[in-house]
Amino acid sequence: MNFGNNIEAMGFEKSGWSKIATSDNITYMGKPMTPDALDDDPVWTIKKIEKGGTGKDGFEYITITYSQNRVKWNEREKLTYKYFWI
């Protein structure tokens, strides 16, 4: 994984989000309930970050949503995501 600087790398390492996958404008970050979780175990919470493009004001729009708890990492692209993590 590539980070812009050491602060970003350290922040990711300390965050608990142990898995990351990117494709096009979407980034998925996964946090398991157990440290030895497999991708197909229903123990994940997944954060989805979508880049929505640049507005007229020049700012890039980003949407951050979360899956339910206890989902499978392998199913991240099929899940329903909400704005609040409950």
C-alpha atoms as a PDB file:
ATOM      1  CA  MET A   1       0.000   0.000   0.000  1.00  0.00           C
ATOM      2  CA  ASN A   2       1.272   3.480  -0.828  1.00  0.00           C
ATOM      3  CA  PHE A   3       0.919   6.381   1.590  1.00  0.00           C
ATOM      4  CA  GLY A   4       1.621  10.054   1.036  1.00  0.00           C
ATOM      5  CA  ASN A   5       3.847  10.240   4.106  1.00  0.00           C
ATOM      6  CA  ASN A   6       4.786   8.463   7.337  1.00  0.00           C
ATOM      7  CA  ILE A   7       1.971  10.137   9.305  1.00  0.00           C
ATOM      8  CA  GLU A   8      -0.646   8.606   6.989  1.00  0.00           C
ATOM      9  CA  ALA A   9       0.997   5.178   7.221  1.00  0.00           C
ATOM     10  CA  MET A  10       1.104   5.334  11.019  1.00  0.00           C
ATOM     11  CA  GLY A  11      -2.523   6.508  11.164  1.00  0.00           C
ATOM     12  CA  PHE A  12      -3.662   3.525   9.101  1.00  0.00           C
ATOM     13  CA  GLU A  13      -1.605   1.120  11.192  1.00  0.00           C
ATOM     14  CA  LYS A  14      -3.108   2.424  14.450  1.00  0.00           C
ATOM     15  CA  SER A  15      -6.671   2.731  13.137  1.00  0.00           C
ATOM     16  CA  GLY A  16      -7.675  -0.917  13.383  1.00  0.00           C
ATOM     17  CA  TRP A  17      -8.772  -1.020   9.740  1.00  0.00           C
ATOM     18  CA  SER A  18      -6.714  -4.055   8.843  1.00  0.00           C
ATOM     19  CA  LYS A  19      -7.810  -4.540   5.227  1.00  0.00           C
ATOM     20  CA  ILE A  20      -8.090  -2.129   2.326  1.00  0.00           C
ATOM     21  CA  ALA A  21      -9.155  -2.522  -1.299  1.00  0.00           C
ATOM     22  CA  THR A  22      -9.443   0.153  -3.965  1.00  0.00           C
ATOM     23  CA  SER A  23     -11.038   0.225  -7.388  1.00  0.00           C
ATOM     24  CA  ASP A  24     -11.704   3.273  -9.540  1.00  0.00           C
ATOM     25  CA  ASN A  25     -13.201   5.882  -7.195  1.00  0.00           C
ATOM     26  CA  ILE A  26     -14.123   3.517  -4.338  1.00  0.00           C
ATOM     27  CA  THR A  27     -12.028   2.464  -1.350  1.00  0.00           C
ATOM     28  CA  TYR A  28     -13.131  -0.229   1.100  1.00  0.00           C
ATOM     29  CA  MET A  29     -11.589  -0.498   4.569  1.00  0.00           C
ATOM     30  CA  GLY A  30     -12.328  -3.540   6.723  1.00  0.00           C
ATOM     31  CA  LYS A  31     -12.112  -4.093  10.478  1.00  0.00           C
ATOM     32  CA  PRO A  32     -12.640  -7.642  11.812  1.00  0.00           C
ATOM     33  CA  MET A  33     -14.003  -8.549  15.247  1.00  0.00           C
ATOM     34  CA  THR A  34     -11.204 -11.114  15.636  1.00  0.00           C
ATOM     35  CA  PRO A  35      -7.560 -10.640  14.647  1.00  0.00           C
ATOM     36  CA  ASP A  36      -7.298 -13.939  12.744  1.00  0.00           C
ATOM     37  CA  ALA A  37     -10.453 -13.456  10.632  1.00  0.00           C
ATOM     38  CA  LEU A  38     -10.634 -14.856   7.129  1.00  0.00           C
ATOM     39  CA  ASP A  39     -12.147 -12.868   4.242  1.00  0.00           C
ATOM     40  CA  ASP A  40     -15.187 -15.186   4.173  1.00  0.00           C
ATOM     41  CA  ASP A  41     -15.879 -15.025   7.945  1.00  0.00           C
ATOM     42  CA  PRO A  42     -18.959 -12.928   8.892  1.00  0.00           C
ATOM     43  CA  VAL A  43     -17.013 -10.832  11.406  1.00  0.00           C
ATOM     44  CA  TRP A  44     -16.232  -7.665   9.434  1.00  0.00           C
ATOM     45  CA  THR A  45     -17.358  -4.044   9.560  1.00  0.00           C
ATOM     46  CA  ILE A  46     -16.567  -2.261   6.304  1.00  0.00           C
ATOM     47  CA  LYS A  47     -16.159   1.436   5.585  1.00  0.00           C
ATOM     48  CA  LYS A  48     -16.798   2.543   1.989  1.00  0.00           C
ATOM     49  CA  ILE A  49     -15.250   5.774   0.706  1.00  0.00           C
ATOM     50  CA  GLU A  50     -16.456   7.082  -2.653  1.00  0.00           C
ATOM     51  CA  LYS A  51     -14.929   9.987  -4.546  1.00  0.00           C
ATOM     52  CA  GLY A  52     -17.752  11.858  -6.235  1.00  0.00           C
ATOM     53  CA  GLY A  53     -15.853  14.191  -8.491  1.00  0.00           C
ATOM     54  CA  THR A  54     -14.994  17.850  -8.291  1.00  0.00           C
ATOM     55  CA  GLY A  55     -17.657  20.516  -7.891  1.00  0.00           C
ATOM     56  CA  LYS A  56     -17.798  24.035  -9.313  1.00  0.00           C
ATOM     57  CA  ASP A  57     -16.050  25.272  -6.180  1.00  0.00           C
ATOM     58  CA  GLY A  58     -13.010  23.109  -6.975  1.00  0.00           C
ATOM     59  CA  PHE A  59     -13.462  20.791  -3.999  1.00  0.00           C
ATOM     60  CA  GLU A  60     -13.475  17.036  -4.405  1.00  0.00           C
ATOM     61  CA  TYR A  61     -16.599  15.423  -2.939  1.00  0.00           C
ATOM     62  CA  ILE A  62     -16.204  12.305  -0.833  1.00  0.00           C
ATOM     63  CA  THR A  63     -18.928  10.102   0.679  1.00  0.00           C
ATOM     64  CA  ILE A  64     -18.143   7.856   3.654  1.00  0.00           C
ATOM     65  CA  THR A  65     -20.610   5.096   4.563  1.00  0.00           C
ATOM     66  CA  TYR A  66     -20.501   1.957   6.694  1.00  0.00           C
ATOM     67  CA  SER A  67     -21.789  -1.602   6.407  1.00  0.00           C
ATOM     68  CA  GLN A  68     -23.616  -3.419   9.141  1.00  0.00           C
ATOM     69  CA  ASN A  69     -21.503  -5.342  11.631  1.00  0.00           C
ATOM     70  CA  ARG A  70     -20.774  -9.014  11.045  1.00  0.00           C
ATOM     71  CA  VAL A  71     -20.550  -9.091   7.262  1.00  0.00           C
ATOM     72  CA  LYS A  72     -18.116 -10.925   4.978  1.00  0.00           C
ATOM     73  CA  TRP A  73     -15.211  -9.015   3.454  1.00  0.00           C
ATOM     74  CA  ASN A  74     -15.634 -10.995   0.210  1.00  0.00           C
ATOM     75  CA  GLU A  75     -19.166  -9.593  -0.200  1.00  0.00           C
ATOM     76  CA  ARG A  76     -18.204  -5.910   0.241  1.00  0.00           C
ATOM     77  CA  GLU A  77     -19.284  -4.850  -3.257  1.00  0.00           C
ATOM     78  CA  LYS A  78     -22.808  -6.300  -2.818  1.00  0.00           C
ATOM     79  CA  LEU A  79     -23.546  -4.857   0.641  1.00  0.00           C
ATOM     80  CA  THR A  80     -25.845  -1.983   1.553  1.00  0.00           C
ATOM     81  CA  TYR A  81     -24.027   0.918   3.199  1.00  0.00           C
ATOM     82  CA  LYS A  82     -25.416   3.632   5.484  1.00  0.00           C
ATOM     83  CA  TYR A  83     -24.104   6.994   6.580  1.00  0.00           C
ATOM     84  CA  PHE A  84     -24.071   6.164  10.275  1.00  0.00           C
ATOM     85  CA  TRP A  85     -22.268   3.338  11.988  1.00  0.00           C
ATOM     86  CA  ILE A  86     -24.614   1.965  14.660  1.00  0.00           C
END
